[in-house]
Amino acid sequence: MLLYLFWEPENWIDFTVFHKHREEIVDFSSHVEGTSVRFMAQSYPEMWAEWENQNGTTKHISALRSRYQFPI
């Protein structure tokens, strides 16, 4: 399993560079599809959203968001 975690600002959708980055992730994924490599890409905010469903993580996620989740 190859997990690619990446940071994006809250307003990533407003920037071409972040759209291009996501396109490159899809392109890479297509190159390893059908191989023995399982590839998954996820932004930190997406990961934190998954963690919210787990008990005892609320305080930790709140601290992460306050430090790393912001617009540019």
PDB file of N, CA and C in Angstrom:
ATOM      1  N   MET A   1       0.850  -1.170   0.000  1.00  0.00           N
ATOM      2  CA  MET A   1       0.000   0.000   0.000  1.00  0.00           C
ATOM      3  C   MET A   1       0.896   1.232   0.000  1.00  0.00           C
ATOM      4  N   LEU A   2       0.660   2.107  -0.932  1.00  0.00           N
ATOM      5  CA  LEU A   2       1.348   3.390  -1.005  1.00  0.00           C
ATOM      6  C   LEU A   2       0.322   4.469  -0.716  1.00  0.00           C
ATOM      7  N   LEU A   3       0.480   5.148   0.400  1.00  0.00           N
ATOM      8  CA  LEU A   3      -0.431   6.208   0.799  1.00  0.00           C
ATOM      9  C   LEU A   3       0.268   7.545   0.603  1.00  0.00           C
ATOM     10  N   TYR A   4      -0.357   8.411  -0.151  1.00  0.00           N
ATOM     11  CA  TYR A   4       0.172   9.746  -0.409  1.00  0.00           C
ATOM     12  C   TYR A   4      -0.708  10.757   0.307  1.00  0.00           C
ATOM     13  N   LEU A   5      -0.193  11.334   1.388  1.00  0.00           N
ATOM     14  CA  LEU A   5      -0.896  12.376   2.125  1.00  0.00           C
ATOM     15  C   LEU A   5      -0.360  13.727   1.691  1.00  0.00           C
ATOM     16  N   PHE A   6      -1.259  14.668   1.486  1.00  0.00           N
ATOM     17  CA  PHE A   6      -0.825  15.979   1.026  1.00  0.00           C
ATOM     18  C   PHE A   6      -1.640  17.087   1.678  1.00  0.00           C
ATOM     19  N   TRP A   7      -0.996  18.239   1.786  1.00  0.00           N
ATOM     20  CA  TRP A   7      -1.636  19.415   2.353  1.00  0.00           C
ATOM     21  C   TRP A   7      -2.175  20.292   1.233  1.00  0.00           C
ATOM     22  N   GLU A   8      -3.322  20.894   1.486  1.00  0.00           N
ATOM     23  CA  GLU A   8      -3.897  21.910   0.618  1.00  0.00           C
ATOM     24  C   GLU A   8      -4.531  22.974   1.515  1.00  0.00           C
ATOM     25  N   PRO A   9      -4.572  24.208   1.056  1.00  0.00           N
ATOM     26  CA  PRO A   9      -5.275  25.227   1.836  1.00  0.00           C
ATOM     27  C   PRO A   9      -6.783  25.019   1.727  1.00  0.00           C
ATOM     28  N   GLU A  10      -7.525  25.642   2.604  1.00  0.00           N
ATOM     29  CA  GLU A  10      -8.981  25.526   2.565  1.00  0.00           C
ATOM     30  C   GLU A  10      -9.551  25.957   1.209  1.00  0.00           C
ATOM     31  N   ASN A  11      -8.955  26.946   0.615  1.00  0.00           N
ATOM     32  CA  ASN A  11      -9.456  27.482  -0.654  1.00  0.00           C
ATOM     33  C   ASN A  11      -8.671  26.958  -1.861  1.00  0.00           C
ATOM     34  N   TRP A  12      -8.244  25.712  -1.801  1.00  0.00           N
ATOM     35  CA  TRP A  12      -7.443  25.113  -2.876  1.00  0.00           C
ATOM     36  C   TRP A  12      -8.126  25.220  -4.226  1.00  0.00           C
ATOM     37  N   ILE A  13      -9.448  25.179  -4.218  1.00  0.00           N
ATOM     38  CA  ILE A  13     -10.201  25.186  -5.475  1.00  0.00           C
ATOM     39  C   ILE A  13      -9.987  26.471  -6.279  1.00  0.00           C
ATOM     40  N   ASP A  14      -9.519  27.517  -5.629  1.00  0.00           N
ATOM     41  CA  ASP A  14      -9.300  28.809  -6.294  1.00  0.00           C
ATOM     42  C   ASP A  14      -7.968  28.894  -7.033  1.00  0.00           C
ATOM     43  N   PHE A  15      -7.145  27.850  -6.961  1.00  0.00           N
ATOM     44  CA  PHE A  15      -5.789  27.902  -7.509  1.00  0.00           C
ATOM     45  C   PHE A  15      -5.539  26.790  -8.520  1.00  0.00           C
ATOM     46  N   THR A  16      -5.051  27.177  -9.671  1.00  0.00           N
ATOM     47  CA  THR A  16      -4.740  26.231 -10.735  1.00  0.00           C
ATOM     48  C   THR A  16      -3.716  25.197 -10.292  1.00  0.00           C
ATOM     49  N   VAL A  17      -2.749  25.616  -9.526  1.00  0.00           N
ATOM     50  CA  VAL A  17      -1.682  24.700  -9.106  1.00  0.00           C
ATOM     51  C   VAL A  17      -2.232  23.507  -8.310  1.00  0.00           C
ATOM     52  N   PHE A  18      -3.254  23.740  -7.498  1.00  0.00           N
ATOM     53  CA  PHE A  18      -3.825  22.638  -6.722  1.00  0.00           C
ATOM     54  C   PHE A  18      -4.698  21.735  -7.587  1.00  0.00           C
ATOM     55  N   HIS A  19      -5.359  22.292  -8.590  1.00  0.00           N
ATOM     56  CA  HIS A  19      -6.093  21.466  -9.546  1.00  0.00           C
ATOM     57  C   HIS A  19      -5.122  20.585 -10.323  1.00  0.00           C
ATOM     58  N   LYS A  20      -4.017  21.179 -10.755  1.00  0.00           N
ATOM     59  CA  LYS A  20      -2.988  20.439 -11.490  1.00  0.00           C
ATOM     60  C   LYS A  20      -2.428  19.302 -10.619  1.00  0.00           C
ATOM     61  N   HIS A  21      -2.193  19.592  -9.363  1.00  0.00           N
ATOM     62  CA  HIS A  21      -1.690  18.579  -8.437  1.00  0.00           C
ATOM     63  C   HIS A  21      -2.642  17.394  -8.364  1.00  0.00           C
ATOM     64  N   ARG A  22      -3.926  17.672  -8.248  1.00  0.00           N
ATOM     65  CA  ARG A  22      -4.910  16.589  -8.181  1.00  0.00           C
ATOM     66  C   ARG A  22      -4.969  15.801  -9.494  1.00  0.00           C
ATOM     67  N   GLU A  23      -4.803  16.491 -10.620  1.00  0.00           N
ATOM     68  CA  GLU A  23      -4.747  15.799 -11.912  1.00  0.00           C
ATOM     69  C   GLU A  23      -3.547  14.859 -11.968  1.00  0.00           C
ATOM     70  N   GLU A  24      -2.420  15.304 -11.423  1.00  0.00           N
ATOM     71  CA  GLU A  24      -1.218  14.468 -11.408  1.00  0.00           C
ATOM     72  C   GLU A  24      -1.404  13.247 -10.519  1.00  0.00           C
ATOM     73  N   ILE A  25      -2.145  13.391  -9.452  1.00  0.00           N
ATOM     74  CA  ILE A  25      -2.439  12.249  -8.579  1.00  0.00           C
ATOM     75  C   ILE A  25      -3.260  11.209  -9.347  1.00  0.00           C
ATOM     76  N   VAL A  26      -4.270  11.666 -10.062  1.00  0.00           N
ATOM     77  CA  VAL A  26      -5.103  10.757 -10.865  1.00  0.00           C
ATOM     78  C   VAL A  26      -4.251  10.081 -11.934  1.00  0.00           C
ATOM     79  N   ASP A  27      -3.378  10.846 -12.580  1.00  0.00           N
ATOM     80  CA  ASP A  27      -2.503  10.286 -13.606  1.00  0.00           C
ATOM     81  C   ASP A  27      -1.592   9.208 -13.024  1.00  0.00           C
ATOM     82  N   PHE A  28      -0.968   9.503 -11.891  1.00  0.00           N
ATOM     83  CA  PHE A  28      -0.100   8.509 -11.255  1.00  0.00           C
ATOM     84  C   PHE A  28      -0.898   7.257 -10.901  1.00  0.00           C
ATOM     85  N   SER A  29      -2.071   7.469 -10.346  1.00  0.00           N
ATOM     86  CA  SER A  29      -2.914   6.348  -9.952  1.00  0.00           C
ATOM     87  C   SER A  29      -3.211   5.437 -11.138  1.00  0.00           C
ATOM     88  N   SER A  30      -3.439   6.037 -12.304  1.00  0.00           N
ATOM     89  CA  SER A  30      -3.732   5.233 -13.492  1.00  0.00           C
ATOM     90  C   SER A  30      -2.518   4.412 -13.929  1.00  0.00           C
ATOM     91  N   HIS A  31      -1.313   4.895 -13.623  1.00  0.00           N
ATOM     92  CA  HIS A  31      -0.103   4.165 -14.003  1.00  0.00           C
ATOM     93  C   HIS A  31       0.153   2.932 -13.122  1.00  0.00           C
ATOM     94  N   VAL A  32      -0.297   2.974 -11.895  1.00  0.00           N
ATOM     95  CA  VAL A  32      -0.072   1.825 -11.010  1.00  0.00           C
ATOM     96  C   VAL A  32      -1.288   0.913 -10.923  1.00  0.00           C
ATOM     97  N   GLU A  33      -2.400   1.327 -11.534  1.00  0.00           N
ATOM     98  CA  GLU A  33      -3.600   0.498 -11.532  1.00  0.00           C
ATOM     99  C   GLU A  33      -3.310  -0.840 -12.211  1.00  0.00           C
ATOM    100  N   GLY A  34      -3.754  -1.896 -11.593  1.00  0.00           N
ATOM    101  CA  GLY A  34      -3.544  -3.226 -12.148  1.00  0.00           C
ATOM    102  C   GLY A  34      -2.211  -3.847 -11.775  1.00  0.00           C
ATOM    103  N   THR A  35      -1.410  -3.136 -10.993  1.00  0.00           N
ATOM    104  CA  THR A  35      -0.139  -3.686 -10.523  1.00  0.00           C
ATOM    105  C   THR A  35      -0.309  -4.192  -9.094  1.00  0.00           C
ATOM    106  N   SER A  36       0.762  -4.664  -8.516  1.00  0.00           N
ATOM    107  CA  SER A  36       0.704  -5.128  -7.128  1.00  0.00           C
ATOM    108  C   SER A  36       0.700  -3.966  -6.134  1.00  0.00           C
ATOM    109  N   VAL A  37       0.909  -2.754  -6.630  1.00  0.00           N
ATOM    110  CA  VAL A  37       0.925  -1.571  -5.759  1.00  0.00           C
ATOM    111  C   VAL A  37      -0.496  -1.054  -5.581  1.00  0.00           C
ATOM    112  N   ARG A  38      -0.925  -1.002  -4.340  1.00  0.00           N
ATOM    113  CA  ARG A  38      -2.208  -0.345  -4.037  1.00  0.00           C
ATOM    114  C   ARG A  38      -1.886   1.097  -3.679  1.00  0.00           C
ATOM    115  N   PHE A  39      -2.477   2.031  -4.377  1.00  0.00           N
ATOM    116  CA  PHE A  39      -2.193   3.455  -4.189  1.00  0.00           C
ATOM    117  C   PHE A  39      -3.441   4.171  -3.710  1.00  0.00           C
ATOM    118  N   MET A  40      -3.231   5.021  -2.711  1.00  0.00           N
ATOM    119  CA  MET A  40      -4.316   5.844  -2.188  1.00  0.00           C
ATOM    120  C   MET A  40      -3.764   7.232  -1.927  1.00  0.00           C
ATOM    121  N   ALA A  41      -4.493   8.248  -2.351  1.00  0.00           N
ATOM    122  CA  ALA A  41      -4.103   9.631  -2.090  1.00  0.00           C
ATOM    123  C   ALA A  41      -5.204  10.286  -1.282  1.00  0.00           C
ATOM    124  N   GLN A  42      -4.780  11.119  -0.341  1.00  0.00           N
ATOM    125  CA  GLN A  42      -5.745  11.755   0.541  1.00  0.00           C
ATOM    126  C   GLN A  42      -5.142  13.040   1.084  1.00  0.00           C
ATOM    127  N   SER A  43      -5.954  14.083   1.125  1.00  0.00           N
ATOM    128  CA  SER A  43      -5.483  15.319   1.744  1.00  0.00           C
ATOM    129  C   SER A  43      -5.611  15.177   3.263  1.00  0.00           C
ATOM    130  N   TYR A  44      -4.858  15.977   3.960  1.00  0.00           N
ATOM    131  CA  TYR A  44      -4.965  15.936   5.417  1.00  0.00           C
ATOM    132  C   TYR A  44      -6.384  16.233   5.890  1.00  0.00           C
ATOM    133  N   PRO A  45      -7.067  17.267   5.353  1.00  0.00           N
ATOM    134  CA  PRO A  45      -8.450  17.483   5.792  1.00  0.00           C
ATOM    135  C   PRO A  45      -9.375  16.287   5.538  1.00  0.00           C
ATOM    136  N   GLU A  46      -9.161  15.571   4.446  1.00  0.00           N
ATOM    137  CA  GLU A  46      -9.953  14.368   4.189  1.00  0.00           C
ATOM    138  C   GLU A  46      -9.676  13.299   5.240  1.00  0.00           C
ATOM    139  N   MET A  47      -8.423  13.161   5.613  1.00  0.00           N
ATOM    140  CA  MET A  47      -8.057  12.183   6.636  1.00  0.00           C
ATOM    141  C   MET A  47      -8.663  12.569   7.983  1.00  0.00           C
ATOM    142  N   TRP A  48      -8.579  13.857   8.303  1.00  0.00           N
ATOM    143  CA  TRP A  48      -9.145  14.310   9.579  1.00  0.00           C
ATOM    144  C   TRP A  48     -10.651  14.089   9.632  1.00  0.00           C
ATOM    145  N   ALA A  49     -11.333  14.259   8.509  1.00  0.00           N
ATOM    146  CA  ALA A  49     -12.775  14.002   8.461  1.00  0.00           C
ATOM    147  C   ALA A  49     -13.069  12.539   8.784  1.00  0.00           C
ATOM    148  N   GLU A  50     -12.228  11.637   8.299  1.00  0.00           N
ATOM    149  CA  GLU A  50     -12.390  10.219   8.631  1.00  0.00           C
ATOM    150  C   GLU A  50     -12.135   9.978  10.112  1.00  0.00           C
ATOM    151  N   TRP A  51     -11.114  10.632  10.643  1.00  0.00           N
ATOM    152  CA  TRP A  51     -10.777  10.458  12.056  1.00  0.00           C
ATOM    153  C   TRP A  51     -11.892  10.947  12.973  1.00  0.00           C
ATOM    154  N   GLU A  52     -12.681  11.907  12.520  1.00  0.00           N
ATOM    155  CA  GLU A  52     -13.752  12.446  13.362  1.00  0.00           C
ATOM    156  C   GLU A  52     -14.739  11.379  13.783  1.00  0.00           C
ATOM    157  N   ASN A  53     -14.836  10.320  13.014  1.00  0.00           N
ATOM    158  CA  ASN A  53     -15.761   9.237  13.330  1.00  0.00           C
ATOM    159  C   ASN A  53     -15.223   8.292  14.399  1.00  0.00           C
ATOM    160  N   GLN A  54     -14.010   8.539  14.845  1.00  0.00           N
ATOM    161  CA  GLN A  54     -13.406   7.691  15.872  1.00  0.00           C
ATOM    162  C   GLN A  54     -13.477   8.392  17.223  1.00  0.00           C
ATOM    163  N   ASN A  55     -13.712   7.638  18.252  1.00  0.00           N
ATOM    164  CA  ASN A  55     -13.805   8.203  19.600  1.00  0.00           C
ATOM    165  C   ASN A  55     -12.463   8.718  20.084  1.00  0.00           C
ATOM    166  N   GLY A  56     -12.490   9.809  20.803  1.00  0.00           N
ATOM    167  CA  GLY A  56     -11.299  10.330  21.457  1.00  0.00           C
ATOM    168  C   GLY A  56     -10.372  11.146  20.577  1.00  0.00           C
ATOM    169  N   THR A  57     -10.789  11.484  19.384  1.00  0.00           N
ATOM    170  CA  THR A  57      -9.892  12.226  18.494  1.00  0.00           C
ATOM    171  C   THR A  57     -10.277  13.697  18.332  1.00  0.00           C
ATOM    172  N   THR A  58     -11.402  14.109  18.875  1.00  0.00           N
ATOM    173  CA  THR A  58     -11.922  15.463  18.650  1.00  0.00           C
ATOM    174  C   THR A  58     -10.932  16.546  19.040  1.00  0.00           C
ATOM    175  N   LYS A  59     -10.340  16.440  20.196  1.00  0.00           N
ATOM    176  CA  LYS A  59      -9.395  17.465  20.653  1.00  0.00           C
ATOM    177  C   LYS A  59      -8.157  17.507  19.750  1.00  0.00           C
ATOM    178  N   HIS A  60      -7.661  16.346  19.380  1.00  0.00           N
ATOM    179  CA  HIS A  60      -6.483  16.263  18.525  1.00  0.00           C
ATOM    180  C   HIS A  60      -6.775  16.857  17.148  1.00  0.00           C
ATOM    181  N   ILE A  61      -7.902  16.500  16.558  1.00  0.00           N
ATOM    182  CA  ILE A  61      -8.272  17.014  15.242  1.00  0.00           C
ATOM    183  C   ILE A  61      -8.463  18.520  15.294  1.00  0.00           C
ATOM    184  N   SER A  62      -9.065  19.008  16.328  1.00  0.00           N
ATOM    185  CA  SER A  62      -9.256  20.452  16.485  1.00  0.00           C
ATOM    186  C   SER A  62      -7.911  21.177  16.522  1.00  0.00           C
ATOM    187  N   ALA A  63      -6.944  20.612  17.227  1.00  0.00           N
ATOM    188  CA  ALA A  63      -5.608  21.211  17.295  1.00  0.00           C
ATOM    189  C   ALA A  63      -4.922  21.191  15.932  1.00  0.00           C
ATOM    190  N   LEU A  64      -5.053  20.089  15.200  1.00  0.00           N
ATOM    191  CA  LEU A  64      -4.468  19.993  13.865  1.00  0.00           C
ATOM    192  C   LEU A  64      -5.085  21.023  12.923  1.00  0.00           C
ATOM    193  N   ARG A  65      -6.401  21.113  12.943  1.00  0.00           N
ATOM    194  CA  ARG A  65      -7.080  22.073  12.071  1.00  0.00           C
ATOM    195  C   ARG A  65      -6.712  23.520  12.401  1.00  0.00           C
ATOM    196  N   SER A  66      -6.625  23.819  13.672  1.00  0.00           N
ATOM    197  CA  SER A  66      -6.312  25.202  14.038  1.00  0.00           C
ATOM    198  C   SER A  66      -4.895  25.587  13.578  1.00  0.00           C
ATOM    199  N   ARG A  67      -4.029  24.617  13.470  1.00  0.00           N
ATOM    200  CA  ARG A  67      -2.660  24.904  13.046  1.00  0.00           C
ATOM    201  C   ARG A  67      -2.454  24.814  11.532  1.00  0.00           C
ATOM    202  N   TYR A  68      -3.123  23.866  10.878  1.00  0.00           N
ATOM    203  CA  TYR A  68      -2.801  23.561   9.484  1.00  0.00           C
ATOM    204  C   TYR A  68      -3.911  23.801   8.467  1.00  0.00           C
ATOM    205  N   GLN A  69      -5.119  24.117   8.911  1.00  0.00           N
ATOM    206  CA  GLN A  69      -6.214  24.300   7.963  1.00  0.00           C
ATOM    207  C   GLN A  69      -6.571  25.780   7.893  1.00  0.00           C
ATOM    208  N   PHE A  70      -6.183  26.389   6.777  1.00  0.00           N
ATOM    209  CA  PHE A  70      -6.414  27.819   6.589  1.00  0.00           C
ATOM    210  C   PHE A  70      -6.387  28.150   5.105  1.00  0.00           C
ATOM    211  N   PRO A  71      -7.010  29.259   4.719  1.00  0.00           N
ATOM    212  CA  PRO A  71      -6.954  29.684   3.320  1.00  0.00           C
ATOM    213  C   PRO A  71      -5.665  30.452   3.041  1.00  0.00           C
ATOM    214  N   ILE A  72      -5.307  30.544   1.768  1.00  0.00           N
ATOM    215  CA  ILE A  72      -4.167  31.395   1.389  1.00  0.00           C
ATOM    216  C   ILE A  72      -4.644  32.441   0.382  1.00  0.00           C
TER     217      ILE A  72
END
